[in-house]
Amino acid sequence: MPHLPSVLDGAQLPLAERMAAVLDGELYPLGGGHCPVDEVPTPTLRLAAALAGRHERMIAELGTAAWVWGALTCEPELLELCVDLRARARPPQARHASVREVVVTAGDLHELGGRRVTTPVRTAVELARARERFGEGERETVRELGHIGGFGLADCVTLMNARRNLPAKRRAIERLTAAFAC
């Protein structure tokens, strides 16, 4: 008997059938797909849901990575994904997602269920660098990522200092200092 994946999308069941299963209490929506009600939403499952049907080069980052790790309770409306700049491939167009080309090292990524997500510390640093607005919600997300990943301000600064010519580094350090001061 074939085994269905933990995250169902249009490749396994049409949307109408998945929605009927939701109404019957057999599935619940997660990311871009639906999961059986007995599947616990772990980071591996959330990552699979976020990247369901997307190219294997896609990496979850920023708010999507924070949701995958459990630092955010609600999945972002717009998925934030990236591809490794060294892959020398244009990021594929993605529906309901923003895709950036970034430089990543092996230590910046964690593999869950065969897909990749930025580590909690890389996610915290990127949130502090990339967000236009960085209020209490973002500071709380960074603190939660620190709790999940077991890191603090010093680890974030070490990560940034290992990079040459890192844009918005000073602003990120100020933001992370404020986040971890609470």
Foldseek 3Di string as FASTA:
>chain_A
DDDDDQWDACVVPNPVVQVVCVVVQQWDDAARTIGGPVDDLALLNNVCNNCPPHDQQKEFAAQSLLVSLPLDVDHDQATEIEGELVVVDDHDDDPSYDYYHDHDDPQQWDDHPSHIYGQLLNRLLCNQQPDPDCDPSNLSSNVVSCVSRVDALVVNLVVVVVDPPDPSNVSSSVSRCVSRVD
